[in-house]
Amino acid sequence: MAVIGYGRVSTVEQTLDLQRDALEAAGATSMYEDKASGKTAERPELVHCLKALRYGDTLVVWRLDRLGRNLQDLIRIVNDLEERGVKFMSVTEAIDTGGSAGKLVFHMFAALAEFERGLLRERTFAGLAAARARGKIGGRPSVLDLKQQRSALAMMKDREMSITEIARQFGVSRSTLYNLKATSQKA
């Protein structure tokens, strides 16, 4: 009866240290770790982790949202574990599906986590819409100023230099120039 931990961060810049410490404190003797967005189905270490779990084992995660992409995914995974005789623990939410009270709490927290994620998405979209209404445009700032953009567009139109040469001259990638050209044609 092993206690196996699973951790996930959304970007390579983030660290799993906090999750590792919590999983070790919860008794995890081995861990699987992914660096992938929770929205993506591509979580190879989770697949390996789920395959490694046997009857009587316990899967422990730091938080519910580290395991499932959404409520349905989370419930599917935990129900599959339950059918296989594998217990589930979430450290932050203090959930242990080894008993019926833990199962009830799991389903309540899973629903609340999905609700919170939905509210965050709605607030984000509302904020972006409000910013656009005030004339603000999101995204990364342009590498080239307006004068450089005009010069680059003129050079591409003249075709005296290759895109690679123009990109080298301005210190940008070719795709930056292609994007600039596409944006200018839309305007």
N, C-alpha and C. Protein backbone atom coordinates (compact mmCIF):
# COMPACT_ATOMS: atom_id res chain seq x y z
N MET A 1 0.84 -1.18 0.00
CA MET A 1 0.00 0.00 0.00
C MET A 1 0.89 1.24 0.00
N ALA A 2 1.08 1.79 -1.18
CA ALA A 2 1.96 2.94 -1.37
C ALA A 2 1.16 4.23 -1.37
N VAL A 3 1.82 5.31 -0.96
CA VAL A 3 1.25 6.64 -1.08
C VAL A 3 2.04 7.33 -2.18
N ILE A 4 1.34 7.63 -3.27
CA ILE A 4 1.98 8.22 -4.44
C ILE A 4 1.46 9.63 -4.63
N GLY A 5 2.38 10.56 -4.85
CA GLY A 5 2.03 11.97 -5.03
C GLY A 5 2.02 12.37 -6.49
N TYR A 6 1.17 13.33 -6.80
CA TYR A 6 1.15 13.91 -8.14
C TYR A 6 1.13 15.42 -8.00
N GLY A 7 2.03 16.09 -8.71
CA GLY A 7 2.09 17.54 -8.70
C GLY A 7 2.09 18.07 -10.12
N ARG A 8 1.57 19.30 -10.27
CA ARG A 8 1.54 19.92 -11.59
C ARG A 8 1.64 21.42 -11.44
N VAL A 9 2.43 22.02 -12.32
CA VAL A 9 2.46 23.47 -12.46
C VAL A 9 2.11 23.79 -13.90
N SER A 10 1.64 25.02 -14.13
CA SER A 10 1.15 25.38 -15.46
C SER A 10 2.23 25.82 -16.42
N THR A 11 3.33 26.36 -15.91
CA THR A 11 4.39 26.85 -16.79
C THR A 11 5.74 26.36 -16.31
N VAL A 12 6.72 26.37 -17.19
CA VAL A 12 8.05 25.92 -16.83
C VAL A 12 8.72 26.90 -15.87
N GLU A 13 8.25 28.15 -15.80
CA GLU A 13 8.82 29.11 -14.87
C GLU A 13 8.41 28.82 -13.43
N GLN A 14 7.28 28.15 -13.25
CA GLN A 14 6.79 27.85 -11.90
C GLN A 14 7.57 26.66 -11.33
N THR A 15 7.59 26.58 -10.02
CA THR A 15 8.32 25.51 -9.35
C THR A 15 7.36 24.60 -8.59
N LEU A 16 7.75 23.35 -8.46
CA LEU A 16 6.94 22.36 -7.77
C LEU A 16 7.37 22.20 -6.30
N ASP A 17 8.27 23.03 -5.81
CA ASP A 17 8.82 22.86 -4.47
C ASP A 17 7.74 22.82 -3.38
N LEU A 18 6.82 23.76 -3.40
CA LEU A 18 5.76 23.80 -2.40
C LEU A 18 4.93 22.52 -2.42
N GLN A 19 4.58 22.07 -3.62
CA GLN A 19 3.79 20.85 -3.74
C GLN A 19 4.57 19.63 -3.26
N ARG A 20 5.86 19.55 -3.66
CA ARG A 20 6.70 18.43 -3.22
C ARG A 20 6.75 18.34 -1.71
N ASP A 21 6.98 19.48 -1.06
CA ASP A 21 7.07 19.49 0.41
C ASP A 21 5.77 19.00 1.04
N ALA A 22 4.64 19.48 0.53
CA ALA A 22 3.33 19.10 1.08
C ALA A 22 3.05 17.61 0.84
N LEU A 23 3.43 17.10 -0.33
CA LEU A 23 3.18 15.69 -0.65
C LEU A 23 4.06 14.79 0.20
N GLU A 24 5.31 15.18 0.40
CA GLU A 24 6.20 14.40 1.27
C GLU A 24 5.68 14.38 2.71
N ALA A 25 5.20 15.54 3.19
CA ALA A 25 4.65 15.62 4.54
C ALA A 25 3.40 14.75 4.68
N ALA A 26 2.67 14.55 3.58
CA ALA A 26 1.47 13.71 3.59
C ALA A 26 1.82 12.23 3.46
N GLY A 27 3.12 11.91 3.31
CA GLY A 27 3.54 10.51 3.27
C GLY A 27 3.85 9.95 1.90
N ALA A 28 3.87 10.79 0.87
CA ALA A 28 4.16 10.29 -0.48
C ALA A 28 5.59 9.77 -0.54
N THR A 29 5.73 8.54 -1.01
CA THR A 29 7.06 7.94 -1.13
C THR A 29 7.60 8.05 -2.55
N SER A 30 6.72 8.26 -3.50
CA SER A 30 7.15 8.52 -4.88
C SER A 30 6.21 9.58 -5.46
N MET A 31 6.73 10.32 -6.46
CA MET A 31 5.95 11.41 -7.03
C MET A 31 6.07 11.46 -8.54
N TYR A 32 5.00 11.92 -9.14
CA TYR A 32 4.95 12.17 -10.58
C TYR A 32 4.65 13.66 -10.74
N GLU A 33 5.35 14.29 -11.69
CA GLU A 33 5.21 15.74 -11.84
C GLU A 33 5.07 16.13 -13.30
N ASP A 34 4.09 17.00 -13.57
CA ASP A 34 3.88 17.54 -14.92
C ASP A 34 4.08 19.04 -14.89
N LYS A 35 4.57 19.57 -16.00
CA LYS A 35 4.62 21.01 -16.21
C LYS A 35 3.78 21.28 -17.44
N ALA A 36 2.47 21.44 -17.20
CA ALA A 36 1.53 21.64 -18.29
C ALA A 36 0.29 22.32 -17.75
N SER A 37 -0.37 23.08 -18.58
CA SER A 37 -1.61 23.73 -18.20
C SER A 37 -2.65 22.68 -17.82
N GLY A 38 -3.47 23.01 -16.84
CA GLY A 38 -4.53 22.09 -16.43
C GLY A 38 -5.56 21.87 -17.51
N LYS A 39 -5.63 22.79 -18.48
CA LYS A 39 -6.62 22.66 -19.55
C LYS A 39 -6.21 21.62 -20.57
N THR A 40 -4.91 21.37 -20.69
CA THR A 40 -4.46 20.45 -21.72
C THR A 40 -4.64 19.00 -21.28
N ALA A 41 -4.96 18.18 -22.24
CA ALA A 41 -5.10 16.75 -21.96
C ALA A 41 -3.74 16.08 -21.92
N GLU A 42 -2.70 16.76 -22.40
CA GLU A 42 -1.35 16.21 -22.47
C GLU A 42 -0.66 16.33 -21.11
N ARG A 43 -0.90 15.36 -20.25
CA ARG A 43 -0.24 15.31 -18.95
C ARG A 43 0.34 13.91 -18.80
N PRO A 44 1.49 13.66 -19.46
CA PRO A 44 2.03 12.30 -19.50
C PRO A 44 2.36 11.71 -18.13
N GLU A 45 2.84 12.53 -17.21
CA GLU A 45 3.18 12.00 -15.89
C GLU A 45 1.94 11.58 -15.11
N LEU A 46 0.82 12.28 -15.33
CA LEU A 46 -0.43 11.87 -14.69
C LEU A 46 -0.85 10.51 -15.21
N VAL A 47 -0.71 10.30 -16.51
CA VAL A 47 -1.05 9.00 -17.11
C VAL A 47 -0.20 7.89 -16.47
N HIS A 48 1.12 8.15 -16.35
CA HIS A 48 2.01 7.16 -15.72
C HIS A 48 1.63 6.92 -14.26
N CYS A 49 1.30 8.00 -13.57
CA CYS A 49 0.92 7.91 -12.16
C CYS A 49 -0.32 7.04 -11.99
N LEU A 50 -1.34 7.31 -12.79
CA LEU A 50 -2.59 6.55 -12.67
C LEU A 50 -2.39 5.08 -13.00
N LYS A 51 -1.49 4.80 -13.95
CA LYS A 51 -1.18 3.40 -14.28
C LYS A 51 -0.43 2.70 -13.15
N ALA A 52 0.38 3.44 -12.43
CA ALA A 52 1.21 2.85 -11.36
C ALA A 52 0.41 2.52 -10.11
N LEU A 53 -0.74 3.16 -9.92
CA LEU A 53 -1.53 2.95 -8.71
C LEU A 53 -2.17 1.57 -8.69
N ARG A 54 -2.09 0.91 -7.55
CA ARG A 54 -2.66 -0.44 -7.37
C ARG A 54 -3.69 -0.41 -6.23
N TYR A 55 -4.45 -1.49 -6.14
CA TYR A 55 -5.46 -1.63 -5.09
C TYR A 55 -4.81 -1.38 -3.71
N GLY A 56 -5.45 -0.52 -2.92
CA GLY A 56 -4.94 -0.22 -1.59
C GLY A 56 -4.01 0.99 -1.54
N ASP A 57 -3.51 1.43 -2.69
CA ASP A 57 -2.64 2.60 -2.73
C ASP A 57 -3.45 3.87 -2.48
N THR A 58 -2.74 4.96 -2.26
CA THR A 58 -3.37 6.26 -2.08
C THR A 58 -2.69 7.26 -3.01
N LEU A 59 -3.49 8.01 -3.75
CA LEU A 59 -2.99 9.10 -4.58
C LEU A 59 -3.19 10.37 -3.78
N VAL A 60 -2.12 11.14 -3.61
CA VAL A 60 -2.21 12.39 -2.87
C VAL A 60 -1.79 13.55 -3.77
N VAL A 61 -2.59 14.63 -3.74
CA VAL A 61 -2.28 15.85 -4.49
C VAL A 61 -2.29 17.02 -3.52
N TRP A 62 -1.64 18.10 -3.93
CA TRP A 62 -1.59 19.29 -3.07
C TRP A 62 -2.94 19.99 -3.03
N ARG A 63 -3.57 20.17 -4.21
CA ARG A 63 -4.90 20.77 -4.32
C ARG A 63 -5.68 20.06 -5.40
N LEU A 64 -6.99 20.14 -5.31
CA LEU A 64 -7.85 19.49 -6.30
C LEU A 64 -7.57 19.95 -7.72
N ASP A 65 -7.32 21.26 -7.90
CA ASP A 65 -7.14 21.78 -9.26
C ASP A 65 -5.83 21.32 -9.90
N ARG A 66 -4.95 20.69 -9.14
CA ARG A 66 -3.72 20.15 -9.71
C ARG A 66 -3.99 18.84 -10.46
N LEU A 67 -5.10 18.17 -10.13
CA LEU A 67 -5.40 16.87 -10.71
C LEU A 67 -6.29 16.94 -11.95
N GLY A 68 -7.39 17.67 -11.87
CA GLY A 68 -8.36 17.65 -12.97
C GLY A 68 -8.42 18.94 -13.74
N ARG A 69 -8.76 18.84 -15.03
CA ARG A 69 -8.90 20.02 -15.89
C ARG A 69 -10.18 20.77 -15.57
N ASN A 70 -11.20 20.03 -15.17
CA ASN A 70 -12.48 20.62 -14.83
C ASN A 70 -13.19 19.66 -13.89
N LEU A 71 -14.38 20.02 -13.47
CA LEU A 71 -15.12 19.20 -12.51
C LEU A 71 -15.36 17.79 -13.03
N GLN A 72 -15.78 17.68 -14.29
CA GLN A 72 -16.07 16.36 -14.84
C GLN A 72 -14.82 15.49 -14.89
N ASP A 73 -13.70 16.08 -15.29
CA ASP A 73 -12.44 15.35 -15.35
C ASP A 73 -12.01 14.88 -13.96
N LEU A 74 -12.12 15.77 -12.99
CA LEU A 74 -11.75 15.45 -11.61
C LEU A 74 -12.60 14.31 -11.07
N ILE A 75 -13.90 14.41 -11.26
CA ILE A 75 -14.81 13.36 -10.76
C ILE A 75 -14.54 12.04 -11.48
N ARG A 76 -14.28 12.11 -12.79
CA ARG A 76 -13.98 10.89 -13.55
C ARG A 76 -12.74 10.19 -12.99
N ILE A 77 -11.69 10.97 -12.74
CA ILE A 77 -10.44 10.39 -12.23
C ILE A 77 -10.65 9.78 -10.86
N VAL A 78 -11.29 10.52 -9.95
CA VAL A 78 -11.48 10.01 -8.59
C VAL A 78 -12.41 8.81 -8.57
N ASN A 79 -13.46 8.82 -9.39
CA ASN A 79 -14.35 7.65 -9.46
C ASN A 79 -13.62 6.43 -10.01
N ASP A 80 -12.76 6.64 -11.01
CA ASP A 80 -11.95 5.54 -11.55
C ASP A 80 -11.04 4.97 -10.47
N LEU A 81 -10.43 5.85 -9.69
CA LEU A 81 -9.57 5.40 -8.60
C LEU A 81 -10.37 4.58 -7.59
N GLU A 82 -11.55 5.08 -7.25
CA GLU A 82 -12.41 4.39 -6.27
C GLU A 82 -12.79 2.99 -6.76
N GLU A 83 -13.13 2.87 -8.05
CA GLU A 83 -13.48 1.57 -8.62
C GLU A 83 -12.31 0.59 -8.56
N ARG A 84 -11.09 1.12 -8.64
CA ARG A 84 -9.89 0.29 -8.59
C ARG A 84 -9.40 0.04 -7.17
N GLY A 85 -10.12 0.60 -6.17
CA GLY A 85 -9.71 0.41 -4.78
C GLY A 85 -8.57 1.30 -4.36
N VAL A 86 -8.41 2.42 -5.05
CA VAL A 86 -7.34 3.38 -4.73
C VAL A 86 -7.98 4.56 -4.01
N LYS A 87 -7.37 4.95 -2.87
CA LYS A 87 -7.86 6.10 -2.11
C LYS A 87 -7.29 7.38 -2.70
N PHE A 88 -7.96 8.48 -2.41
CA PHE A 88 -7.53 9.79 -2.90
C PHE A 88 -7.47 10.77 -1.75
N MET A 89 -6.38 11.55 -1.72
CA MET A 89 -6.24 12.59 -0.70
C MET A 89 -5.85 13.91 -1.36
N SER A 90 -6.43 15.00 -0.87
CA SER A 90 -6.02 16.34 -1.27
C SER A 90 -5.58 17.06 0.00
N VAL A 91 -4.32 17.48 0.03
CA VAL A 91 -3.74 18.06 1.23
C VAL A 91 -4.42 19.37 1.62
N THR A 92 -4.51 20.32 0.69
CA THR A 92 -5.03 21.65 1.00
C THR A 92 -6.48 21.61 1.46
N GLU A 93 -7.29 20.82 0.79
CA GLU A 93 -8.71 20.75 1.15
C GLU A 93 -8.99 19.72 2.23
N ALA A 94 -7.96 19.02 2.72
CA ALA A 94 -8.10 18.00 3.77
C ALA A 94 -9.17 16.96 3.41
N ILE A 95 -9.07 16.45 2.19
CA ILE A 95 -10.02 15.45 1.71
C ILE A 95 -9.33 14.09 1.69
N ASP A 96 -10.03 13.09 2.20
CA ASP A 96 -9.55 11.72 2.18
C ASP A 96 -10.74 10.84 1.84
N THR A 97 -10.75 10.29 0.62
CA THR A 97 -11.90 9.51 0.17
C THR A 97 -11.91 8.09 0.75
N GLY A 98 -11.09 7.85 1.74
CA GLY A 98 -11.10 6.55 2.40
C GLY A 98 -12.41 6.30 3.14
N GLY A 99 -13.17 7.35 3.43
CA GLY A 99 -14.46 7.22 4.11
C GLY A 99 -15.55 7.97 3.38
N SER A 100 -16.80 7.73 3.77
CA SER A 100 -17.93 8.36 3.08
C SER A 100 -17.96 9.87 3.29
N ALA A 101 -17.55 10.34 4.45
CA ALA A 101 -17.52 11.79 4.69
C ALA A 101 -16.51 12.45 3.75
N GLY A 102 -15.38 11.82 3.54
CA GLY A 102 -14.37 12.34 2.62
C GLY A 102 -14.89 12.40 1.20
N LYS A 103 -15.66 11.40 0.81
CA LYS A 103 -16.24 11.39 -0.54
C LYS A 103 -17.22 12.56 -0.72
N LEU A 104 -18.04 12.80 0.30
CA LEU A 104 -18.99 13.91 0.25
C LEU A 104 -18.25 15.23 0.14
N VAL A 105 -17.24 15.42 0.99
CA VAL A 105 -16.47 16.65 0.97
C VAL A 105 -15.78 16.83 -0.38
N PHE A 106 -15.26 15.74 -0.94
CA PHE A 106 -14.61 15.83 -2.26
C PHE A 106 -15.55 16.40 -3.30
N HIS A 107 -16.76 15.87 -3.38
CA HIS A 107 -17.71 16.33 -4.39
C HIS A 107 -18.13 17.78 -4.14
N MET A 108 -18.23 18.19 -2.89
CA MET A 108 -18.57 19.58 -2.60
C MET A 108 -17.43 20.51 -3.00
N PHE A 109 -16.19 20.17 -2.64
CA PHE A 109 -15.06 21.01 -3.00
C PHE A 109 -14.82 21.04 -4.50
N ALA A 110 -15.03 19.92 -5.16
CA ALA A 110 -14.86 19.88 -6.62
C ALA A 110 -15.84 20.85 -7.28
N ALA A 111 -17.08 20.86 -6.82
CA ALA A 111 -18.07 21.78 -7.38
C ALA A 111 -17.69 23.23 -7.11
N LEU A 112 -17.21 23.51 -5.91
CA LEU A 112 -16.80 24.88 -5.58
C LEU A 112 -15.58 25.31 -6.38
N ALA A 113 -14.63 24.40 -6.61
CA ALA A 113 -13.44 24.72 -7.40
C ALA A 113 -13.83 25.06 -8.84
N GLU A 114 -14.76 24.30 -9.40
CA GLU A 114 -15.23 24.58 -10.75
C GLU A 114 -15.95 25.93 -10.81
N PHE A 115 -16.73 26.22 -9.78
CA PHE A 115 -17.43 27.50 -9.70
C PHE A 115 -16.43 28.65 -9.64
N GLU A 116 -15.40 28.52 -8.79
CA GLU A 116 -14.38 29.56 -8.66
C GLU A 116 -13.64 29.79 -9.97
N ARG A 117 -13.31 28.71 -10.68
CA ARG A 117 -12.62 28.82 -11.96
C ARG A 117 -13.50 29.55 -12.98
N GLY A 118 -14.79 29.25 -12.97
CA GLY A 118 -15.73 29.93 -13.87
C GLY A 118 -15.84 31.41 -13.57
N LEU A 119 -15.87 31.76 -12.28
CA LEU A 119 -15.92 33.17 -11.90
C LEU A 119 -14.66 33.90 -12.33
N LEU A 120 -13.52 33.28 -12.16
CA LEU A 120 -12.25 33.89 -12.57
C LEU A 120 -12.23 34.15 -14.07
N ARG A 121 -12.70 33.18 -14.84
CA ARG A 121 -12.75 33.33 -16.30
C ARG A 121 -13.68 34.48 -16.68
N GLU A 122 -14.85 34.55 -16.03
CA GLU A 122 -15.80 35.63 -16.32
C GLU A 122 -15.20 36.99 -15.98
N ARG A 123 -14.53 37.09 -14.82
CA ARG A 123 -13.91 38.37 -14.43
C ARG A 123 -12.81 38.76 -15.40
N THR A 124 -12.03 37.78 -15.85
CA THR A 124 -10.95 38.07 -16.80
C THR A 124 -11.52 38.61 -18.10
N PHE A 125 -12.53 37.94 -18.65
CA PHE A 125 -13.13 38.39 -19.91
C PHE A 125 -13.79 39.76 -19.74
N ALA A 126 -14.43 40.00 -18.60
CA ALA A 126 -15.06 41.30 -18.35
C ALA A 126 -13.99 42.40 -18.28
N GLY A 127 -12.88 42.12 -17.62
CA GLY A 127 -11.79 43.09 -17.53
C GLY A 127 -11.18 43.39 -18.88
N LEU A 128 -10.99 42.35 -19.71
CA LEU A 128 -10.45 42.56 -21.05
C LEU A 128 -11.41 43.38 -21.90
N ALA A 129 -12.70 43.09 -21.79
CA ALA A 129 -13.70 43.84 -22.57
C ALA A 129 -13.73 45.30 -22.13
N ALA A 130 -13.63 45.55 -20.82
CA ALA A 130 -13.63 46.93 -20.31
C ALA A 130 -12.38 47.66 -20.81
N ALA A 131 -11.24 47.00 -20.81
CA ALA A 131 -10.01 47.62 -21.29
C ALA A 131 -10.11 47.95 -22.78
N ARG A 132 -10.67 47.02 -23.57
CA ARG A 132 -10.84 47.27 -25.00
C ARG A 132 -11.78 48.44 -25.24
N ALA A 133 -12.84 48.54 -24.42
CA ALA A 133 -13.79 49.64 -24.56
C ALA A 133 -13.12 50.99 -24.30
N ARG A 134 -12.07 50.99 -23.47
CA ARG A 134 -11.31 52.22 -23.19
C ARG A 134 -10.17 52.41 -24.18
N GLY A 135 -10.11 51.54 -25.20
CA GLY A 135 -9.10 51.69 -26.25
C GLY A 135 -7.77 51.02 -25.95
N LYS A 136 -7.68 50.25 -24.90
CA LYS A 136 -6.42 49.58 -24.57
C LYS A 136 -6.37 48.24 -25.27
N ILE A 137 -5.19 47.91 -25.76
CA ILE A 137 -5.00 46.65 -26.46
C ILE A 137 -4.06 45.81 -25.63
N GLY A 138 -4.42 44.58 -25.39
CA GLY A 138 -3.60 43.69 -24.58
C GLY A 138 -2.49 43.06 -25.41
N GLY A 139 -1.73 42.23 -24.77
CA GLY A 139 -0.67 41.51 -25.45
C GLY A 139 0.68 42.15 -25.23
N ARG A 140 1.69 41.56 -25.83
CA ARG A 140 3.05 42.06 -25.70
C ARG A 140 3.22 43.35 -26.47
N PRO A 141 4.04 44.27 -25.94
CA PRO A 141 4.30 45.50 -26.68
C PRO A 141 5.11 45.20 -27.94
N SER A 142 4.95 46.02 -28.95
CA SER A 142 5.66 45.83 -30.20
C SER A 142 7.15 46.04 -30.02
N VAL A 143 7.94 45.20 -30.67
CA VAL A 143 9.39 45.31 -30.60
C VAL A 143 9.86 46.52 -31.41
N LEU A 144 9.17 46.81 -32.48
CA LEU A 144 9.54 47.91 -33.36
C LEU A 144 8.65 49.12 -33.09
N ASP A 145 9.27 50.31 -33.07
CA ASP A 145 8.45 51.51 -32.92
C ASP A 145 7.80 51.82 -34.28
N LEU A 146 6.96 52.83 -34.31
CA LEU A 146 6.19 53.15 -35.51
C LEU A 146 7.09 53.45 -36.71
N LYS A 147 8.16 54.20 -36.50
CA LYS A 147 9.08 54.55 -37.58
C LYS A 147 9.76 53.30 -38.13
N GLN A 148 10.18 52.40 -37.23
CA GLN A 148 10.82 51.15 -37.66
C GLN A 148 9.83 50.27 -38.42
N GLN A 149 8.58 50.24 -37.95
CA GLN A 149 7.56 49.45 -38.64
C GLN A 149 7.36 49.94 -40.06
N ARG A 150 7.28 51.26 -40.24
CA ARG A 150 7.11 51.83 -41.59
C ARG A 150 8.30 51.48 -42.48
N SER A 151 9.50 51.61 -41.91
CA SER A 151 10.72 51.29 -42.68
C SER A 151 10.74 49.82 -43.09
N ALA A 152 10.42 48.96 -42.17
CA ALA A 152 10.42 47.52 -42.45
C ALA A 152 9.39 47.18 -43.52
N LEU A 153 8.20 47.77 -43.42
CA LEU A 153 7.16 47.52 -44.42
C LEU A 153 7.60 48.02 -45.79
N ALA A 154 8.25 49.19 -45.83
CA ALA A 154 8.73 49.73 -47.11
C ALA A 154 9.80 48.81 -47.70
N MET A 155 10.69 48.30 -46.86
CA MET A 155 11.75 47.40 -47.33
C MET A 155 11.16 46.10 -47.87
N MET A 156 10.13 45.60 -47.20
CA MET A 156 9.50 44.37 -47.68
C MET A 156 8.78 44.61 -49.01
N LYS A 157 8.22 45.79 -49.16
CA LYS A 157 7.51 46.12 -50.40
C LYS A 157 8.50 46.28 -51.55
N ASP A 158 9.67 46.89 -51.28
CA ASP A 158 10.69 47.08 -52.32
C ASP A 158 11.30 45.77 -52.80
N ARG A 159 11.39 44.81 -51.94
CA ARG A 159 11.94 43.48 -52.23
C ARG A 159 13.41 43.51 -52.65
N GLU A 160 14.11 44.56 -52.24
CA GLU A 160 15.55 44.61 -52.54
C GLU A 160 16.33 43.73 -51.57
N MET A 161 15.78 43.55 -50.38
CA MET A 161 16.41 42.71 -49.36
C MET A 161 15.48 41.55 -49.05
N SER A 162 16.06 40.44 -48.63
CA SER A 162 15.24 39.29 -48.24
C SER A 162 14.63 39.55 -46.85
N ILE A 163 13.60 38.81 -46.54
CA ILE A 163 12.96 38.93 -45.22
C ILE A 163 13.99 38.65 -44.13
N THR A 164 14.85 37.67 -44.35
CA THR A 164 15.88 37.33 -43.38
C THR A 164 16.83 38.50 -43.14
N GLU A 165 17.22 39.17 -44.21
CA GLU A 165 18.13 40.32 -44.09
C GLU A 165 17.45 41.49 -43.36
N ILE A 166 16.19 41.73 -43.67
CA ILE A 166 15.45 42.80 -43.01
C ILE A 166 15.30 42.48 -41.53
N ALA A 167 14.97 41.24 -41.22
CA ALA A 167 14.82 40.82 -39.83
C ALA A 167 16.13 41.01 -39.07
N ARG A 168 17.23 40.64 -39.70
CA ARG A 168 18.55 40.79 -39.07
C ARG A 168 18.86 42.27 -38.82
N GLN A 169 18.52 43.11 -39.77
CA GLN A 169 18.80 44.54 -39.64
C GLN A 169 18.05 45.16 -38.45
N PHE A 170 16.80 44.72 -38.25
CA PHE A 170 16.00 45.28 -37.16
C PHE A 170 16.12 44.48 -35.85
N GLY A 171 16.80 43.36 -35.90
CA GLY A 171 16.97 42.55 -34.69
C GLY A 171 15.69 41.86 -34.25
N VAL A 172 14.89 41.42 -35.24
CA VAL A 172 13.63 40.73 -34.94
C VAL A 172 13.59 39.43 -35.73
N SER A 173 12.61 38.61 -35.43
CA SER A 173 12.46 37.36 -36.18
C SER A 173 11.69 37.61 -37.47
N ARG A 174 11.79 36.67 -38.38
CA ARG A 174 11.04 36.77 -39.64
C ARG A 174 9.54 36.77 -39.36
N SER A 175 9.11 35.96 -38.38
CA SER A 175 7.68 35.92 -38.09
C SER A 175 7.15 37.26 -37.60
N THR A 176 8.00 38.04 -36.90
CA THR A 176 7.60 39.39 -36.49
C THR A 176 7.28 40.24 -37.71
N LEU A 177 8.12 40.13 -38.73
CA LEU A 177 7.89 40.91 -39.96
C LEU A 177 6.64 40.42 -40.69
N TYR A 178 6.45 39.11 -40.76
CA TYR A 178 5.24 38.58 -41.42
C TYR A 178 3.98 39.03 -40.67
N ASN A 179 4.04 39.02 -39.34
CA ASN A 179 2.90 39.48 -38.54
C ASN A 179 2.65 40.97 -38.76
N LEU A 180 3.71 41.76 -38.83
CA LEU A 180 3.60 43.19 -39.11
C LEU A 180 2.93 43.43 -40.45
N LYS A 181 3.34 42.68 -41.45
CA LYS A 181 2.76 42.81 -42.80
C LYS A 181 1.28 42.44 -42.79
N ALA A 182 0.96 41.34 -42.11
CA ALA A 182 -0.45 40.90 -42.05
C ALA A 182 -1.31 41.93 -41.32
N THR A 183 -0.78 42.48 -40.24
CA THR A 183 -1.53 43.49 -39.47
C THR A 183 -1.74 44.75 -40.29
N SER A 184 -0.72 45.16 -41.04
CA SER A 184 -0.83 46.38 -41.84
C SER A 184 -1.82 46.20 -42.99
N GLN A 185 -1.94 44.99 -43.51
CA GLN A 185 -2.88 44.75 -44.60
C GLN A 185 -4.33 44.75 -44.11
N LYS A 186 -4.53 44.40 -42.83
CA LYS A 186 -5.88 44.43 -42.27
C LYS A 186 -6.37 45.86 -42.04
N ALA A 187 -5.41 46.76 -41.75
CA ALA A 187 -5.78 48.15 -41.41
C ALA A 187 -6.18 48.97 -42.61
